[in-house]
Amino acid sequence: MAAKTVTIESKDYVFSTQKEAQRYYYSIVKELYDTNIILANGQDFEDLKWIYSCYCEYTNYKLDRLSNTKITGFKGIKSIRQMGGQYVSTECCAVIFSDGTEEEFSTDKAIKEITSKQNPR
C-alpha cells in the first residue's frame, strides 16, 4: 500500500505521509498545552484554522457554526478518551470562537479525514 500524502493548503506544503502531518501538528498542540498559550495568529494558527474548516466541510460537521462565528484562536487542552476499554488522558486542541465558546478538536482525526478526501481509492 502506497503512502498517502497530505497537502496543507494554508501553508502550500505537502507532507509525505498522514503520520508525518499528524506528528507535526500534534507537536504544535502539545506545545500549546504545555505553555498554556492561546494561538491567535501566525502560520500555525492559519494551518489549524484551515485543517478545522476543511474537516468541517468534508464531514458536514457544524458548518452552520462556521458561517455564524469566526475562529479566533486555538489552545491545548486535556481530553479523556476510551481506547481498548480503558480511559486515556491525552492532549488535544480546543477551537475558540468569536462568541467566546470553545470546542474540542482532534488534529489527528481531522488530518485522517483530509488525507482520505485528498487520496480517494
N, C-alpha and C. Protein backbone atom coordinates (compact mmCIF):
# COMPACT_ATOMS: atom_id res chain seq x y z
N MET A 1 0.84 -1.17 0.00
CA MET A 1 0.00 0.00 0.00
C MET A 1 0.89 1.24 0.00
N ALA A 2 0.64 2.15 -0.91
CA ALA A 2 1.44 3.37 -1.03
C ALA A 2 1.06 4.37 0.06
N ALA A 3 2.06 5.12 0.50
CA ALA A 3 1.80 6.16 1.49
C ALA A 3 0.93 7.24 0.88
N LYS A 4 0.06 7.81 1.69
CA LYS A 4 -0.84 8.86 1.22
C LYS A 4 -0.30 10.20 1.66
N THR A 5 -0.10 11.10 0.71
CA THR A 5 0.38 12.43 1.02
C THR A 5 -0.76 13.29 1.57
N VAL A 6 -0.38 14.37 2.25
CA VAL A 6 -1.36 15.32 2.77
C VAL A 6 -0.89 16.72 2.40
N THR A 7 -1.75 17.47 1.73
CA THR A 7 -1.43 18.84 1.37
C THR A 7 -2.16 19.79 2.30
N ILE A 8 -1.39 20.63 2.98
CA ILE A 8 -1.97 21.65 3.85
C ILE A 8 -1.97 22.93 3.02
N GLU A 9 -3.13 23.29 2.51
CA GLU A 9 -3.22 24.38 1.54
C GLU A 9 -2.89 25.74 2.12
N SER A 10 -3.16 25.96 3.40
CA SER A 10 -2.86 27.26 4.01
C SER A 10 -1.35 27.51 4.05
N LYS A 11 -0.59 26.43 4.02
CA LYS A 11 0.87 26.51 4.07
C LYS A 11 1.48 26.21 2.71
N ASP A 12 0.66 25.69 1.80
CA ASP A 12 1.13 25.22 0.50
C ASP A 12 2.29 24.24 0.68
N TYR A 13 2.05 23.26 1.56
CA TYR A 13 3.07 22.28 1.90
C TYR A 13 2.48 20.88 1.79
N VAL A 14 3.28 19.95 1.29
CA VAL A 14 2.84 18.56 1.17
C VAL A 14 3.66 17.70 2.13
N PHE A 15 2.95 17.04 3.05
CA PHE A 15 3.59 16.06 3.92
C PHE A 15 3.63 14.74 3.18
N SER A 16 4.73 13.98 3.32
CA SER A 16 4.87 12.72 2.59
C SER A 16 3.88 11.66 3.04
N THR A 17 3.48 11.72 4.33
CA THR A 17 2.54 10.74 4.86
C THR A 17 1.57 11.41 5.82
N GLN A 18 0.47 10.73 6.04
CA GLN A 18 -0.51 11.19 7.03
C GLN A 18 0.12 11.26 8.41
N LYS A 19 0.88 10.24 8.77
CA LYS A 19 1.52 10.20 10.11
C LYS A 19 2.47 11.37 10.31
N GLU A 20 3.20 11.75 9.26
CA GLU A 20 4.12 12.88 9.36
C GLU A 20 3.34 14.17 9.67
N ALA A 21 2.23 14.36 8.97
CA ALA A 21 1.39 15.54 9.22
C ALA A 21 0.81 15.51 10.63
N GLN A 22 0.34 14.34 11.05
CA GLN A 22 -0.23 14.22 12.39
C GLN A 22 0.81 14.51 13.47
N ARG A 23 2.02 14.00 13.30
CA ARG A 23 3.08 14.26 14.28
C ARG A 23 3.42 15.75 14.34
N TYR A 24 3.51 16.38 13.18
CA TYR A 24 3.85 17.80 13.11
C TYR A 24 2.82 18.65 13.86
N TYR A 25 1.55 18.43 13.58
CA TYR A 25 0.51 19.24 14.23
C TYR A 25 0.27 18.84 15.68
N TYR A 26 0.51 17.58 16.02
CA TYR A 26 0.41 17.19 17.42
C TYR A 26 1.46 17.93 18.25
N SER A 27 2.65 18.11 17.69
CA SER A 27 3.70 18.82 18.44
C SER A 27 3.29 20.27 18.71
N ILE A 28 2.57 20.89 17.79
CA ILE A 28 2.06 22.25 18.00
C ILE A 28 1.03 22.24 19.11
N VAL A 29 0.10 21.30 19.06
CA VAL A 29 -0.95 21.19 20.08
C VAL A 29 -0.32 20.92 21.45
N LYS A 30 0.65 20.02 21.50
CA LYS A 30 1.32 19.70 22.77
C LYS A 30 2.02 20.94 23.33
N GLU A 31 2.66 21.71 22.47
CA GLU A 31 3.32 22.94 22.93
C GLU A 31 2.29 23.94 23.48
N LEU A 32 1.14 24.05 22.81
CA LEU A 32 0.09 24.93 23.31
C LEU A 32 -0.38 24.48 24.69
N TYR A 33 -0.52 23.16 24.85
CA TYR A 33 -0.94 22.63 26.14
C TYR A 33 0.12 22.89 27.21
N ASP A 34 1.37 22.57 26.89
CA ASP A 34 2.46 22.70 27.87
C ASP A 34 2.70 24.15 28.29
N THR A 35 2.51 25.09 27.38
CA THR A 35 2.80 26.50 27.67
C THR A 35 1.57 27.30 28.07
N ASN A 36 0.39 26.69 27.93
CA ASN A 36 -0.87 27.34 28.27
C ASN A 36 -1.07 28.65 27.47
N ILE A 37 -0.65 28.61 26.21
CA ILE A 37 -0.75 29.77 25.32
C ILE A 37 -1.95 29.60 24.38
N ILE A 38 -2.60 30.70 24.07
CA ILE A 38 -3.65 30.70 23.06
C ILE A 38 -3.03 31.18 21.75
N LEU A 39 -3.14 30.38 20.73
CA LEU A 39 -2.61 30.71 19.42
C LEU A 39 -3.67 31.48 18.66
N ALA A 40 -3.38 32.75 18.32
CA ALA A 40 -4.40 33.60 17.68
C ALA A 40 -3.92 34.25 16.39
N ASN A 41 -2.70 33.95 15.96
CA ASN A 41 -2.22 34.48 14.69
C ASN A 41 -1.00 33.70 14.24
N GLY A 42 -0.52 34.01 13.05
CA GLY A 42 0.66 33.34 12.51
C GLY A 42 0.32 32.13 11.65
N GLN A 43 1.37 31.52 11.10
CA GLN A 43 1.19 30.40 10.18
C GLN A 43 0.55 29.19 10.85
N ASP A 44 0.96 28.86 12.08
CA ASP A 44 0.37 27.70 12.76
C ASP A 44 -1.13 27.92 12.99
N PHE A 45 -1.51 29.15 13.35
CA PHE A 45 -2.93 29.49 13.52
C PHE A 45 -3.67 29.28 12.20
N GLU A 46 -3.11 29.80 11.11
CA GLU A 46 -3.75 29.65 9.79
C GLU A 46 -3.87 28.19 9.40
N ASP A 47 -2.84 27.40 9.69
CA ASP A 47 -2.88 25.96 9.39
C ASP A 47 -3.98 25.26 10.16
N LEU A 48 -4.04 25.49 11.48
CA LEU A 48 -5.06 24.83 12.30
C LEU A 48 -6.46 25.28 11.89
N LYS A 49 -6.61 26.55 11.56
CA LYS A 49 -7.91 27.06 11.11
C LYS A 49 -8.30 26.37 9.80
N TRP A 50 -7.36 26.22 8.88
CA TRP A 50 -7.64 25.55 7.61
C TRP A 50 -7.99 24.08 7.85
N ILE A 51 -7.24 23.40 8.69
CA ILE A 51 -7.49 21.98 8.98
C ILE A 51 -8.88 21.82 9.59
N TYR A 52 -9.22 22.65 10.58
CA TYR A 52 -10.54 22.55 11.21
C TYR A 52 -11.66 22.84 10.20
N SER A 53 -11.52 23.91 9.44
CA SER A 53 -12.56 24.29 8.47
C SER A 53 -12.72 23.23 7.39
N CYS A 54 -11.60 22.71 6.92
CA CYS A 54 -11.62 21.67 5.89
C CYS A 54 -12.30 20.41 6.43
N TYR A 55 -11.97 20.01 7.65
CA TYR A 55 -12.59 18.85 8.29
C TYR A 55 -14.10 19.05 8.38
N CYS A 56 -14.52 20.24 8.82
CA CYS A 56 -15.95 20.53 8.94
C CYS A 56 -16.64 20.44 7.58
N GLU A 57 -16.00 20.97 6.57
CA GLU A 57 -16.58 20.94 5.22
C GLU A 57 -16.69 19.50 4.70
N TYR A 58 -15.63 18.71 4.88
CA TYR A 58 -15.63 17.33 4.37
C TYR A 58 -16.64 16.44 5.09
N THR A 59 -16.93 16.73 6.35
CA THR A 59 -17.80 15.87 7.14
C THR A 59 -19.17 16.49 7.42
N ASN A 60 -19.39 17.71 6.89
CA ASN A 60 -20.61 18.47 7.18
C ASN A 60 -20.80 18.69 8.67
N TYR A 61 -19.70 18.84 9.38
CA TYR A 61 -19.71 19.00 10.82
C TYR A 61 -19.77 20.48 11.19
N LYS A 62 -20.86 20.88 11.81
CA LYS A 62 -21.03 22.24 12.32
C LYS A 62 -20.75 23.34 11.30
N LEU A 63 -21.13 23.11 10.06
CA LEU A 63 -20.91 24.13 9.02
C LEU A 63 -21.67 25.41 9.34
N ASP A 64 -22.87 25.28 9.93
CA ASP A 64 -23.64 26.47 10.30
C ASP A 64 -22.88 27.30 11.33
N ARG A 65 -22.16 26.62 12.21
CA ARG A 65 -21.37 27.30 13.24
C ARG A 65 -20.29 28.16 12.60
N LEU A 66 -19.63 27.60 11.59
CA LEU A 66 -18.56 28.34 10.92
C LEU A 66 -19.07 29.54 10.15
N SER A 67 -20.30 29.46 9.66
CA SER A 67 -20.83 30.60 8.91
C SER A 67 -21.34 31.69 9.85
N ASN A 68 -21.60 31.36 11.11
CA ASN A 68 -22.13 32.34 12.07
C ASN A 68 -21.10 32.91 13.03
N THR A 69 -19.98 32.23 13.21
CA THR A 69 -18.95 32.71 14.12
C THR A 69 -17.58 32.59 13.46
N LYS A 70 -16.64 33.30 13.99
CA LYS A 70 -15.29 33.31 13.45
C LYS A 70 -14.37 32.57 14.41
N ILE A 71 -13.39 31.86 13.89
CA ILE A 71 -12.38 31.21 14.72
C ILE A 71 -11.38 32.28 15.14
N THR A 72 -11.19 32.44 16.46
CA THR A 72 -10.29 33.48 16.95
C THR A 72 -9.02 32.91 17.59
N GLY A 73 -9.01 31.60 17.87
CA GLY A 73 -7.82 31.04 18.48
C GLY A 73 -7.90 29.54 18.69
N PHE A 74 -6.77 29.00 19.13
CA PHE A 74 -6.66 27.58 19.48
C PHE A 74 -5.85 27.50 20.76
N LYS A 75 -6.19 26.51 21.59
CA LYS A 75 -5.40 26.27 22.79
C LYS A 75 -5.32 24.77 23.03
N GLY A 76 -4.33 24.36 23.80
CA GLY A 76 -4.18 22.96 24.15
C GLY A 76 -4.99 22.63 25.37
N ILE A 77 -5.67 21.49 25.34
CA ILE A 77 -6.46 21.03 26.48
C ILE A 77 -6.20 19.54 26.72
N LYS A 78 -6.61 19.05 27.86
CA LYS A 78 -6.56 17.62 28.19
C LYS A 78 -7.91 17.01 27.87
N SER A 79 -7.89 15.86 27.26
CA SER A 79 -9.12 15.16 26.92
C SER A 79 -9.03 13.72 27.38
N ILE A 80 -10.15 13.16 27.79
CA ILE A 80 -10.21 11.76 28.20
C ILE A 80 -10.91 10.99 27.09
N ARG A 81 -10.24 9.96 26.60
CA ARG A 81 -10.79 9.14 25.52
C ARG A 81 -10.76 7.68 25.93
N GLN A 82 -11.71 6.93 25.41
CA GLN A 82 -11.73 5.50 25.67
C GLN A 82 -10.99 4.78 24.55
N MET A 83 -9.98 4.01 24.94
CA MET A 83 -9.19 3.25 23.97
C MET A 83 -9.01 1.84 24.51
N GLY A 84 -9.52 0.87 23.78
CA GLY A 84 -9.36 -0.52 24.20
C GLY A 84 -9.94 -0.82 25.56
N GLY A 85 -11.06 -0.18 25.88
CA GLY A 85 -11.72 -0.44 27.16
C GLY A 85 -11.16 0.35 28.33
N GLN A 86 -10.11 1.14 28.08
CA GLN A 86 -9.53 1.95 29.14
C GLN A 86 -9.68 3.43 28.79
N TYR A 87 -9.74 4.24 29.82
CA TYR A 87 -9.81 5.68 29.62
C TYR A 87 -8.40 6.25 29.67
N VAL A 88 -8.05 6.99 28.64
CA VAL A 88 -6.70 7.52 28.49
C VAL A 88 -6.78 9.04 28.38
N SER A 89 -5.90 9.70 29.10
CA SER A 89 -5.82 11.16 29.06
C SER A 89 -4.83 11.55 27.95
N THR A 90 -5.21 12.50 27.13
CA THR A 90 -4.33 12.94 26.04
C THR A 90 -4.49 14.44 25.80
N GLU A 91 -3.47 15.04 25.24
CA GLU A 91 -3.56 16.45 24.88
C GLU A 91 -4.24 16.56 23.53
N CYS A 92 -5.11 17.55 23.41
CA CYS A 92 -5.72 17.84 22.13
C CYS A 92 -5.93 19.35 22.06
N CYS A 93 -6.67 19.76 21.10
CA CYS A 93 -6.83 21.18 20.81
C CYS A 93 -8.26 21.62 21.10
N ALA A 94 -8.41 22.88 21.43
CA ALA A 94 -9.74 23.47 21.52
C ALA A 94 -9.77 24.65 20.56
N VAL A 95 -10.83 24.73 19.78
CA VAL A 95 -11.06 25.86 18.89
C VAL A 95 -11.80 26.91 19.71
N ILE A 96 -11.35 28.15 19.62
CA ILE A 96 -12.01 29.26 20.32
C ILE A 96 -12.72 30.11 19.27
N PHE A 97 -14.01 30.36 19.51
CA PHE A 97 -14.82 31.12 18.55
C PHE A 97 -15.04 32.55 19.02
N SER A 98 -15.44 33.40 18.10
CA SER A 98 -15.63 34.83 18.39
C SER A 98 -16.72 35.09 19.42
N ASP A 99 -17.63 34.15 19.62
CA ASP A 99 -18.66 34.34 20.64
C ASP A 99 -18.20 33.87 22.02
N GLY A 100 -16.92 33.47 22.14
CA GLY A 100 -16.36 33.06 23.42
C GLY A 100 -16.48 31.57 23.71
N THR A 101 -17.19 30.84 22.89
CA THR A 101 -17.33 29.40 23.12
C THR A 101 -16.10 28.66 22.61
N GLU A 102 -15.93 27.45 23.12
CA GLU A 102 -14.81 26.60 22.72
C GLU A 102 -15.33 25.21 22.38
N GLU A 103 -14.58 24.53 21.54
CA GLU A 103 -14.95 23.17 21.15
C GLU A 103 -13.71 22.32 20.99
N GLU A 104 -13.74 21.11 21.53
CA GLU A 104 -12.61 20.18 21.39
C GLU A 104 -12.39 19.85 19.92
N PHE A 105 -11.13 19.70 19.55
CA PHE A 105 -10.76 19.46 18.16
C PHE A 105 -9.55 18.53 18.10
N SER A 106 -9.69 17.42 17.41
CA SER A 106 -8.60 16.46 17.25
C SER A 106 -7.94 16.68 15.89
N THR A 107 -6.70 17.16 15.91
CA THR A 107 -5.99 17.34 14.64
C THR A 107 -5.74 16.00 13.97
N ASP A 108 -5.48 14.94 14.76
CA ASP A 108 -5.26 13.61 14.17
C ASP A 108 -6.47 13.16 13.37
N LYS A 109 -7.64 13.29 13.96
CA LYS A 109 -8.88 12.87 13.30
C LYS A 109 -9.14 13.71 12.04
N ALA A 110 -8.91 15.01 12.15
CA ALA A 110 -9.15 15.89 11.01
C ALA A 110 -8.17 15.59 9.88
N ILE A 111 -6.91 15.39 10.21
CA ILE A 111 -5.91 15.09 9.17
C ILE A 111 -6.20 13.75 8.52
N LYS A 112 -6.67 12.80 9.28
CA LYS A 112 -7.05 11.50 8.71
C LYS A 112 -8.18 11.68 7.68
N GLU A 113 -9.17 12.48 8.01
CA GLU A 113 -10.29 12.74 7.09
C GLU A 113 -9.80 13.49 5.85
N ILE A 114 -8.96 14.48 6.04
CA ILE A 114 -8.43 15.26 4.92
C ILE A 114 -7.62 14.35 3.99
N THR A 115 -6.80 13.49 4.58
CA THR A 115 -6.00 12.55 3.80
C THR A 115 -6.88 11.66 2.94
N SER A 116 -7.97 11.15 3.53
CA SER A 116 -8.83 10.24 2.78
C SER A 116 -9.54 10.97 1.63
N LYS A 117 -9.86 12.25 1.82
CA LYS A 117 -10.50 13.02 0.73
C LYS A 117 -9.50 13.40 -0.35
N GLN A 118 -8.27 13.67 0.03
CA GLN A 118 -7.24 14.04 -0.94
C GLN A 118 -6.70 12.85 -1.70
N ASN A 119 -6.87 11.66 -1.14
CA ASN A 119 -6.35 10.44 -1.75
C ASN A 119 -7.45 9.39 -1.88
N PRO A 120 -8.46 9.65 -2.70
CA PRO A 120 -9.54 8.67 -2.82
C PRO A 120 -9.02 7.36 -3.43
N ARG A 121 -9.63 6.30 -3.06
CA ARG A 121 -9.19 4.97 -3.57
C ARG A 121 -9.54 4.78 -4.99
